């Protein structure tokens, strides 16, 4: 396991990378580990309401830059991950989850009908309130946090990004037609020596200002 010192060192080293070195690419074995960290992300009910789209096409990434407030991280980072969530959740997604559960843990989907009823009831309630998409986006942020920490522990830089136009990303990535939408972006790669933000001290409130014990 990672030591406490290694964990805190990685967290202090991490920052929101503003300038990536486009010449430095994440090695395949490192990326495989980071990909696994995304797959292993926990989610409410285990529903995994996300897709992690790794945009590799250089021309497509360049086309996305204007719709990300012209932030070059989108095109210059080694990898660009678009975390997408469903606007609605079809029963097919719930059933696929139950099938996978039976496959991994044994048993049959029929034995999970009570759980299925609870999941569809939750889904129906969230959709009726118009809150399903927002709930899914909050789940995506769990994946974002896990990915960023995993990357920091492996010495890979990241930059969480909300500064983009989801509708344009949806259009260019073909998400709109599929009923999905981009929730958050996370370029990953290696910082450029010219990124002045890398050397700036972290600004955080003292623990006593944000930690409470009751």
Protein backbone atom coordinates (compact mmCIF):
# COMPACT_ATOMS: atom_id res chain seq x y z
CA UNK A 1 0.00 0.00 0.00
CA UNK A 2 1.03 3.62 -0.48
CA UNK A 3 2.57 5.18 2.59
CA UNK A 4 1.10 8.28 4.23
CA UNK A 5 4.16 10.28 3.21
CA UNK A 6 3.92 9.13 -0.41
CA UNK A 7 0.23 10.03 -0.54
CA UNK A 8 0.71 13.53 0.86
CA UNK A 9 3.76 14.06 -1.34
CA UNK A 10 1.71 13.20 -4.44
CA UNK A 11 -1.12 15.50 -3.37
CA UNK A 12 1.27 18.37 -2.74
CA UNK A 13 2.99 17.75 -6.09
CA UNK A 14 -0.32 17.72 -7.96
CA UNK A 15 -1.76 20.92 -9.38
CA UNK A 16 -4.11 21.86 -12.20
CA UNK A 17 -1.64 21.76 -15.07
CA UNK A 18 -2.06 24.77 -17.32
CA UNK A 19 0.64 24.01 -19.88
CA UNK A 20 1.27 20.43 -20.99
CA UNK A 21 4.33 19.31 -22.90
CA UNK A 22 2.86 18.02 -26.19
CA UNK A 23 6.02 16.03 -26.88
CA UNK A 24 5.69 13.88 -23.77
CA UNK A 25 3.25 10.99 -23.90
CA UNK A 26 1.98 8.75 -21.13
CA UNK A 27 3.56 5.28 -21.51
CA UNK A 28 1.13 2.53 -22.47
CA UNK A 29 1.58 0.60 -19.22
CA UNK A 30 0.98 3.74 -17.15
CA UNK A 31 -2.12 4.57 -19.15
CA UNK A 32 -3.43 1.03 -18.68
CA UNK A 33 -3.21 1.55 -14.92
CA UNK A 34 -4.98 4.90 -15.12
CA UNK A 35 -7.67 3.38 -17.30
CA UNK A 36 -8.17 0.67 -14.69
CA UNK A 37 -8.51 3.34 -12.01
CA UNK A 38 -11.44 4.80 -13.94
CA UNK A 39 -13.09 1.41 -14.36
CA UNK A 40 -12.71 0.76 -10.62
CA UNK A 41 -14.43 4.00 -9.61
CA UNK A 42 -17.21 3.46 -7.05
CA UNK A 43 -20.71 4.72 -7.83
CA UNK A 44 -24.09 4.96 -6.15
CA UNK A 45 -25.85 1.56 -6.34
CA UNK A 46 -22.91 0.45 -8.49
CA UNK A 47 -24.80 1.84 -11.50
CA UNK A 48 -21.71 3.40 -13.14
CA UNK A 49 -23.64 6.10 -15.03
CA UNK A 50 -20.74 7.21 -17.19
CA UNK A 51 -18.62 6.74 -20.25
CA UNK A 52 -14.96 7.76 -20.34
CA UNK A 53 -14.22 8.98 -23.83
CA UNK A 54 -10.51 9.19 -24.64
CA UNK A 55 -10.20 11.57 -27.56
CA UNK A 56 -7.14 10.55 -29.56
CA UNK A 57 -7.74 12.12 -32.95
CA UNK A 58 -5.49 15.21 -33.13
CA UNK A 59 -7.73 17.10 -35.54
CA UNK A 60 -10.79 16.46 -33.39
CA UNK A 61 -9.00 17.63 -30.28
CA UNK A 62 -7.91 20.80 -32.08
CA UNK A 63 -11.52 21.36 -33.15
CA UNK A 64 -12.60 21.11 -29.52
CA UNK A 65 -10.22 23.83 -28.31
CA UNK A 66 -12.41 26.83 -29.28
CA UNK A 67 -15.27 25.26 -27.33
CA UNK A 68 -13.08 24.94 -24.24
CA UNK A 69 -12.39 28.66 -23.92
CA UNK A 70 -9.31 28.17 -26.11
CA UNK A 71 -7.53 26.27 -23.35
CA UNK A 72 -4.64 24.43 -24.99
CA UNK A 73 -4.65 21.61 -22.45
CA UNK A 74 -7.39 20.01 -24.55
CA UNK A 75 -5.05 19.54 -27.50
CA UNK A 76 -1.57 19.56 -25.94
CA UNK A 77 -1.99 16.96 -23.18
CA UNK A 78 -0.99 13.37 -23.87
CA UNK A 79 -4.55 12.16 -23.28
CA UNK A 80 -7.90 13.94 -23.18
CA UNK A 81 -10.69 12.28 -21.23
CA UNK A 82 -14.27 13.44 -21.65
CA UNK A 83 -16.42 12.10 -18.85
CA UNK A 84 -19.91 11.74 -20.25
CA UNK A 85 -23.17 10.92 -18.49
CA UNK A 86 -26.64 9.87 -19.71
CA UNK A 87 -29.43 12.41 -19.95
CA UNK A 88 -31.86 9.56 -19.28
CA UNK A 89 -31.16 6.06 -18.00
CA UNK A 90 -32.84 3.31 -20.01
CA UNK A 91 -33.77 0.06 -18.32
CA UNK A 92 -31.25 -1.61 -20.61
CA UNK A 93 -28.48 0.06 -18.61
CA UNK A 94 -29.89 -1.23 -15.34
CA UNK A 95 -30.32 -4.71 -16.79
CA UNK A 96 -26.76 -4.70 -18.14
CA UNK A 97 -25.54 -3.83 -14.66
CA UNK A 98 -27.47 -6.72 -13.14
CA UNK A 99 -26.21 -9.12 -15.80
CA UNK A 100 -22.65 -8.08 -15.03
CA UNK A 101 -23.27 -8.48 -11.31
CA UNK A 102 -24.52 -12.04 -11.83
CA UNK A 103 -21.60 -12.80 -14.14
CA UNK A 104 -18.99 -11.59 -11.64
CA UNK A 105 -20.55 -12.75 -8.37
CA UNK A 106 -22.51 -15.76 -9.53
CA UNK A 107 -26.22 -16.41 -9.47
CA UNK A 108 -28.79 -15.20 -11.96
CA UNK A 109 -30.34 -11.83 -12.79
CA UNK A 110 -33.70 -13.26 -11.71
CA UNK A 111 -32.40 -13.43 -8.15
CA UNK A 112 -31.79 -9.67 -8.32
CA UNK A 113 -35.33 -8.65 -9.25
CA UNK A 114 -35.87 -6.98 -5.89
CA UNK A 115 -32.75 -4.90 -6.38
CA UNK A 116 -33.85 -4.13 -9.94
CA UNK A 117 -37.19 -2.85 -8.68
CA UNK A 118 -35.40 -0.54 -6.26
CA UNK A 119 -33.09 0.75 -9.00
CA UNK A 120 -35.88 1.44 -11.46
CA UNK A 121 -37.85 3.16 -8.71
CA UNK A 122 -34.87 5.37 -7.93
CA UNK A 123 -34.38 6.09 -11.63
CA UNK A 124 -38.06 6.94 -12.11
CA UNK A 125 -38.06 9.26 -9.10
CA UNK A 126 -34.95 11.11 -10.22
CA UNK A 127 -36.27 11.51 -13.76
CA UNK A 128 -39.62 12.77 -12.47
CA UNK A 129 -37.80 15.44 -10.50
CA UNK A 130 -35.56 16.30 -13.44
CA UNK A 131 -32.50 15.42 -11.40
CA UNK A 132 -31.11 12.31 -13.06
CA UNK A 133 -28.56 14.08 -15.24
CA UNK A 134 -27.28 16.13 -12.31
CA UNK A 135 -27.03 13.01 -10.14
CA UNK A 136 -25.02 11.30 -12.88
CA UNK A 137 -22.71 14.31 -13.15
CA UNK A 138 -22.01 14.14 -9.42
CA UNK A 139 -21.12 10.48 -9.88
CA UNK A 140 -18.71 11.46 -12.67
CA UNK A 141 -16.91 13.75 -10.25
CA UNK A 142 -16.15 10.72 -8.08
CA UNK A 143 -14.39 9.24 -11.11
CA UNK A 144 -12.61 12.55 -11.71
CA UNK A 145 -11.24 12.65 -8.18
CA UNK A 146 -10.13 9.03 -8.24
CA UNK A 147 -8.42 9.51 -11.60
CA UNK A 148 -6.58 12.65 -10.51
CA UNK A 149 -5.27 11.01 -7.35
CA UNK A 150 -4.23 7.89 -9.25
CA UNK A 151 -2.43 10.03 -11.81
CA UNK A 152 -0.61 12.02 -9.12
CA UNK A 153 0.60 8.83 -7.47
CA UNK A 154 2.03 7.77 -10.84
CA UNK A 155 3.65 11.14 -11.53
CA UNK A 156 1.16 12.10 -14.24
CA UNK A 157 -0.26 15.62 -14.42
CA UNK A 158 -3.95 16.37 -14.83
CA UNK A 159 -6.22 19.37 -15.17
CA UNK A 160 -9.91 19.10 -14.22
CA UNK A 161 -11.90 21.31 -16.58
CA UNK A 162 -15.44 22.64 -16.39
CA UNK A 163 -14.62 25.51 -18.71
CA UNK A 164 -16.11 24.19 -21.92
CA UNK A 165 -19.37 24.27 -23.87
CA UNK A 166 -21.05 20.88 -23.32
CA UNK A 167 -23.44 21.27 -26.26
CA UNK A 168 -20.55 21.78 -28.68
CA UNK A 169 -18.58 18.87 -27.25
CA UNK A 170 -21.70 16.72 -27.47
CA UNK A 171 -22.15 17.69 -31.10
CA UNK A 172 -18.55 17.09 -32.15
CA UNK A 173 -18.25 13.80 -30.25
CA UNK A 174 -21.64 12.51 -31.41
CA UNK A 175 -22.96 12.33 -27.86
CA UNK A 176 -26.12 14.34 -28.42
CA UNK A 177 -27.59 11.77 -30.79
CA UNK A 178 -26.85 9.02 -28.28
CA UNK A 179 -28.60 10.75 -25.38
CA UNK A 180 -25.37 11.50 -23.53
CA UNK A 181 -23.67 14.74 -22.52
CA UNK A 182 -20.16 15.77 -21.52
CA UNK A 183 -19.96 16.40 -17.77
CA UNK A 184 -16.32 17.29 -17.15
CA UNK A 185 -12.96 17.07 -18.92
CA UNK A 186 -9.62 15.86 -17.65
CA UNK A 187 -6.54 16.25 -19.83
CA UNK A 188 -3.61 14.15 -18.59
CA UNK A 189 0.07 14.16 -19.43
CA UNK A 190 3.21 15.94 -18.29
CA UNK A 191 3.76 19.55 -17.32
CA UNK A 192 5.78 21.84 -19.56
CA UNK A 193 8.83 23.50 -17.95
CA UNK A 194 7.33 26.88 -18.84
CA UNK A 195 4.19 26.35 -16.75
CA UNK A 196 4.70 28.90 -13.97
CA UNK A 197 1.77 27.46 -12.01
CA UNK A 198 3.78 24.32 -11.26
CA UNK A 199 6.04 26.18 -8.82
CA UNK A 200 3.40 28.28 -7.08
CA UNK A 201 2.64 27.34 -3.45
CA UNK A 202 -0.73 25.73 -2.84
CA UNK A 203 -3.30 28.03 -1.29
CA UNK A 204 -5.50 26.11 1.10
CA UNK A 205 -7.29 27.06 4.30
CA UNK A 206 -5.68 25.73 7.45
CA UNK A 207 -7.15 22.43 8.62
CA UNK A 208 -8.67 24.14 11.63
CA UNK A 209 -10.78 26.30 9.33
CA UNK A 210 -12.36 23.46 7.38
CA UNK A 211 -12.20 20.39 9.62
CA UNK A 212 -14.86 19.95 12.30
CA UNK A 213 -15.26 17.23 14.91
CA UNK A 214 -18.60 16.95 16.67
